[in-house]
Protein backbone atom coordinates (compact mmCIF):
# COMPACT_ATOMS: atom_id res chain seq x y z
CA UNK A 1 0.00 0.14 -0.15
CA UNK A 2 1.12 3.39 -0.78
CA UNK A 3 2.25 5.51 1.98
CA UNK A 4 2.50 9.25 1.43
CA UNK A 5 5.63 11.05 3.05
CA UNK A 6 5.32 14.76 3.69
CA UNK A 7 8.45 16.74 4.54
CA UNK A 8 9.22 20.70 3.99
CA UNK A 9 6.67 21.28 1.99
CA UNK A 10 7.01 18.51 -0.45
CA UNK A 11 4.86 14.94 -0.57
CA UNK A 12 6.22 11.70 -1.75
CA UNK A 13 3.80 8.75 -2.24
CA UNK A 14 6.25 6.08 -3.33
CA UNK A 15 6.21 7.08 -6.72
CA UNK A 16 5.86 11.08 -7.46
CA UNK A 17 7.41 14.02 -5.65
CA UNK A 18 5.12 16.73 -5.32
CA UNK A 19 4.46 20.13 -3.84
CA UNK A 20 2.33 19.89 -0.65
CA UNK A 21 -0.78 21.67 -0.38
CA UNK A 22 -0.72 24.67 1.56
CA UNK A 23 -2.50 24.13 5.37
CA UNK A 24 -4.53 26.62 6.67
CA UNK A 25 -2.88 29.26 9.56
CA UNK A 26 -3.53 28.23 12.53
CA UNK A 27 -5.80 30.10 14.54
CA UNK A 28 -5.62 32.09 17.47
CA UNK A 29 -8.25 29.63 19.36
CA UNK A 30 -6.01 26.41 18.23
CA UNK A 31 -2.95 28.14 19.37
CA UNK A 32 -4.12 28.85 22.62
CA UNK A 33 -5.41 25.26 23.10
CA UNK A 34 -1.85 24.08 21.75
CA UNK A 35 -0.36 26.26 24.60
CA UNK A 36 -2.75 24.87 27.39
CA UNK A 37 -1.67 21.48 26.65
CA UNK A 38 1.63 22.05 27.35
CA UNK A 39 1.36 24.39 30.49
CA UNK A 40 2.37 22.31 33.26
CA UNK A 41 4.46 23.89 36.63
CA UNK A 42 5.72 22.05 40.00
CA UNK A 43 3.86 22.37 42.93
CA UNK A 44 6.18 24.63 44.54
CA UNK A 45 6.07 26.88 41.36
CA UNK A 46 1.94 26.77 41.79
CA UNK A 47 1.88 27.12 45.31
CA UNK A 48 4.11 30.19 45.15
CA UNK A 49 2.19 31.60 42.29
CA UNK A 50 -1.33 31.03 44.35
CA UNK A 51 0.71 32.80 47.19
CA UNK A 52 1.64 35.86 45.33
CA UNK A 53 -1.87 36.08 43.69
CA UNK A 54 -3.69 36.32 47.35
CA UNK A 55 -5.36 33.05 46.94
CA UNK A 56 -2.90 30.30 48.66
CA UNK A 57 -4.49 30.26 52.02
CA UNK A 58 -8.15 29.86 50.35
CA UNK A 59 -6.91 27.06 48.31
CA UNK A 60 -5.18 25.31 50.63
CA UNK A 61 -8.45 25.70 53.16
CA UNK A 62 -10.66 24.24 50.12
CA UNK A 63 -8.88 21.39 49.68
CA UNK A 64 -7.89 20.21 53.20
CA UNK A 65 -11.69 20.39 53.82
CA UNK A 66 -13.12 18.92 50.66
CA UNK A 67 -13.07 15.13 51.70
CA UNK A 68 -11.76 14.40 48.25
CA UNK A 69 -8.68 12.21 49.14
CA UNK A 70 -7.49 12.48 45.37
CA UNK A 71 -7.64 16.43 45.53
CA UNK A 72 -6.15 16.12 48.58
CA UNK A 73 -3.25 13.87 47.44
CA UNK A 74 -2.64 16.01 44.33
CA UNK A 75 -2.41 19.10 46.43
CA UNK A 76 0.19 17.78 49.15
CA UNK A 77 2.07 15.01 46.76
CA UNK A 78 1.95 16.14 43.25
CA UNK A 79 5.21 16.78 41.45
CA UNK A 80 3.58 18.78 38.71
CA UNK A 81 0.66 20.32 37.77
CA UNK A 82 -0.86 20.29 34.35
CA UNK A 83 -3.23 22.98 33.25
CA UNK A 84 -5.46 20.74 31.72
CA UNK A 85 -5.94 18.42 34.48
CA UNK A 86 -9.29 17.91 36.52
CA UNK A 87 -7.60 19.09 39.79
CA UNK A 88 -7.06 22.11 38.11
CA UNK A 89 -10.27 22.64 36.70
CA UNK A 90 -11.90 21.42 39.63
CA UNK A 91 -9.97 24.01 41.72
CA UNK A 92 -10.53 26.77 38.73
CA UNK A 93 -14.27 26.25 39.13
CA UNK A 94 -14.68 26.11 43.32
CA UNK A 95 -13.06 29.71 43.01
CA UNK A 96 -14.78 30.90 39.88
CA UNK A 97 -11.44 31.48 38.02
CA UNK A 98 -11.87 32.01 34.36
CA UNK A 99 -10.01 30.17 31.68
CA UNK A 100 -8.14 33.50 31.24
CA UNK A 101 -7.08 33.61 35.09
CA UNK A 102 -6.00 30.00 35.11
CA UNK A 103 -3.56 30.63 31.91
CA UNK A 104 -2.32 33.95 33.87
CA UNK A 105 -1.46 31.73 36.87
CA UNK A 106 0.44 29.28 35.02
CA UNK A 107 2.33 31.58 33.14
CA UNK A 108 3.20 33.32 36.42
CA UNK A 109 4.16 29.84 37.99
CA UNK A 110 6.65 29.16 35.21
CA UNK A 111 8.44 32.34 35.57
CA UNK A 112 9.21 31.37 39.36
CA UNK A 113 12.46 29.76 39.71
CA UNK A 114 14.24 28.68 43.09
């Protein structure tokens, strides 16, 4: 069966080398989704960013009083937080944070170096 290989604007189907068709430009929404898929920060970065935003105490209290052992374990032991994880979604909803505010929290967190 023929396999098409595409590289640097060219396609090769095993027999013929042709110019690949142009691809549609990526939209801002798609670009933002790609960024979110790659957003991650360490537990220490997340906690420090929350402190800087004045949210740490409230989030800490909420998690500890939630009774949700998976959430508590993640909060206390996760080495990394992913922007699109269910944990972050849960916390965002609980605190009324918008998607943009969550993005900004991660953008701040990754700038924190120790």
